[in-house]
Amino acid sequence: GLGNSGAEIGIEVCRTHPTLVAGKPAGELPVKHGRTAARFVLPLVRFAGLHVLNLGTPIGRKAIPALKAHGAPLIRT
């Protein structure tokens, strides 16, 4: 599949073997990630997940079905 592990394995194996993966690509994180990015971005994501994107808010009730309909973006290492 095209989850994080499957995509990483597929990228490594495709250099030496013909490779097919199952599933639709969900995209990749559009920003560089790492320790510095995590220090600034993760608190914002955590706040949004706990206080904004929940079933208790109108925006959360609208956004949650859309978030559940797609796979998570790939986190390339």
Protein backbone atom coordinates (compact mmCIF):
# COMPACT_ATOMS: atom_id res chain seq x y z
CA GLY A 1 0.00 0.00 0.00
CA LEU A 2 0.94 3.64 -0.23
CA GLY A 3 1.15 4.35 3.49
CA ASN A 4 4.40 5.69 4.89
CA SER A 5 6.12 2.31 5.24
CA GLY A 6 4.90 0.94 1.92
CA ALA A 7 5.97 4.07 0.05
CA GLU A 8 9.44 4.03 1.62
CA ILE A 9 9.92 0.34 0.80
CA GLY A 10 8.61 0.90 -2.73
CA ILE A 11 11.04 3.76 -3.33
CA GLU A 12 13.98 1.68 -2.15
CA VAL A 13 12.99 -1.46 -4.10
CA CYS A 14 12.14 0.35 -7.37
CA ARG A 15 15.82 1.12 -7.90
CA THR A 16 16.57 -2.55 -8.54
CA HIS A 17 13.20 -4.20 -9.36
CA PRO A 18 10.05 -3.35 -11.30
CA THR A 19 7.66 -2.23 -8.55
CA LEU A 20 3.89 -1.70 -8.23
CA VAL A 21 2.13 -0.26 -5.20
CA ALA A 22 -1.56 -0.38 -4.35
CA GLY A 23 -3.67 2.60 -3.40
CA LYS A 24 -4.03 6.24 -4.32
CA PRO A 25 -1.26 8.67 -3.38
CA ALA A 26 -2.28 11.03 -0.57
CA GLY A 27 0.52 13.52 -1.19
CA GLU A 28 3.49 14.45 0.96
CA LEU A 29 4.00 17.02 3.68
CA PRO A 30 4.54 20.30 1.84
CA VAL A 31 7.16 21.55 4.28
CA LYS A 32 10.51 20.36 5.50
CA HIS A 33 10.10 18.48 8.75
CA GLY A 34 12.44 17.77 11.58
CA ARG A 35 13.21 18.84 15.12
CA THR A 36 12.93 22.60 14.50
CA ALA A 37 9.73 22.34 12.48
CA ALA A 38 8.22 20.04 15.10
CA ARG A 39 9.00 22.51 17.87
CA PHE A 40 6.93 25.23 16.20
CA VAL A 41 4.35 23.36 14.13
CA LEU A 42 3.30 20.49 16.41
CA PRO A 43 1.90 22.77 19.14
CA LEU A 44 -0.27 24.46 16.50
CA VAL A 45 -1.45 21.13 15.10
CA ARG A 46 -2.15 19.86 18.63
CA PHE A 47 -4.16 22.99 19.49
CA ALA A 48 -6.17 22.71 16.26
CA GLY A 49 -6.87 19.02 16.86
CA LEU A 50 -7.93 19.46 20.47
CA HIS A 51 -9.81 22.77 20.36
CA VAL A 52 -10.86 23.50 16.77
CA LEU A 53 -11.27 20.26 14.79
CA ASN A 54 -13.59 18.41 17.15
CA LEU A 55 -17.27 17.59 17.07
CA GLY A 56 -18.04 20.40 19.52
CA THR A 57 -17.35 23.15 16.98
CA PRO A 58 -19.13 23.88 13.69
CA ILE A 59 -15.86 23.91 11.72
CA GLY A 60 -14.89 20.58 13.27
CA ARG A 61 -18.21 18.95 12.38
CA LYS A 62 -17.70 20.08 8.79
CA ALA A 63 -13.99 19.19 8.53
CA ILE A 64 -13.89 15.78 10.24
CA PRO A 65 -15.72 13.83 7.49
CA ALA A 66 -13.36 15.30 4.87
CA LEU A 67 -10.30 14.40 6.96
CA LYS A 68 -11.52 10.82 7.42
CA ALA A 69 -12.17 10.39 3.69
CA HIS A 70 -8.48 10.65 2.73
CA GLY A 71 -5.26 9.00 3.78
CA ALA A 72 -2.64 10.83 5.78
CA PRO A 73 0.12 12.58 3.82
CA LEU A 74 3.44 10.79 3.47
CA ILE A 75 6.21 11.79 5.83
CA ARG A 76 9.41 11.23 3.87
CA THR A 77 12.52 10.42 5.85
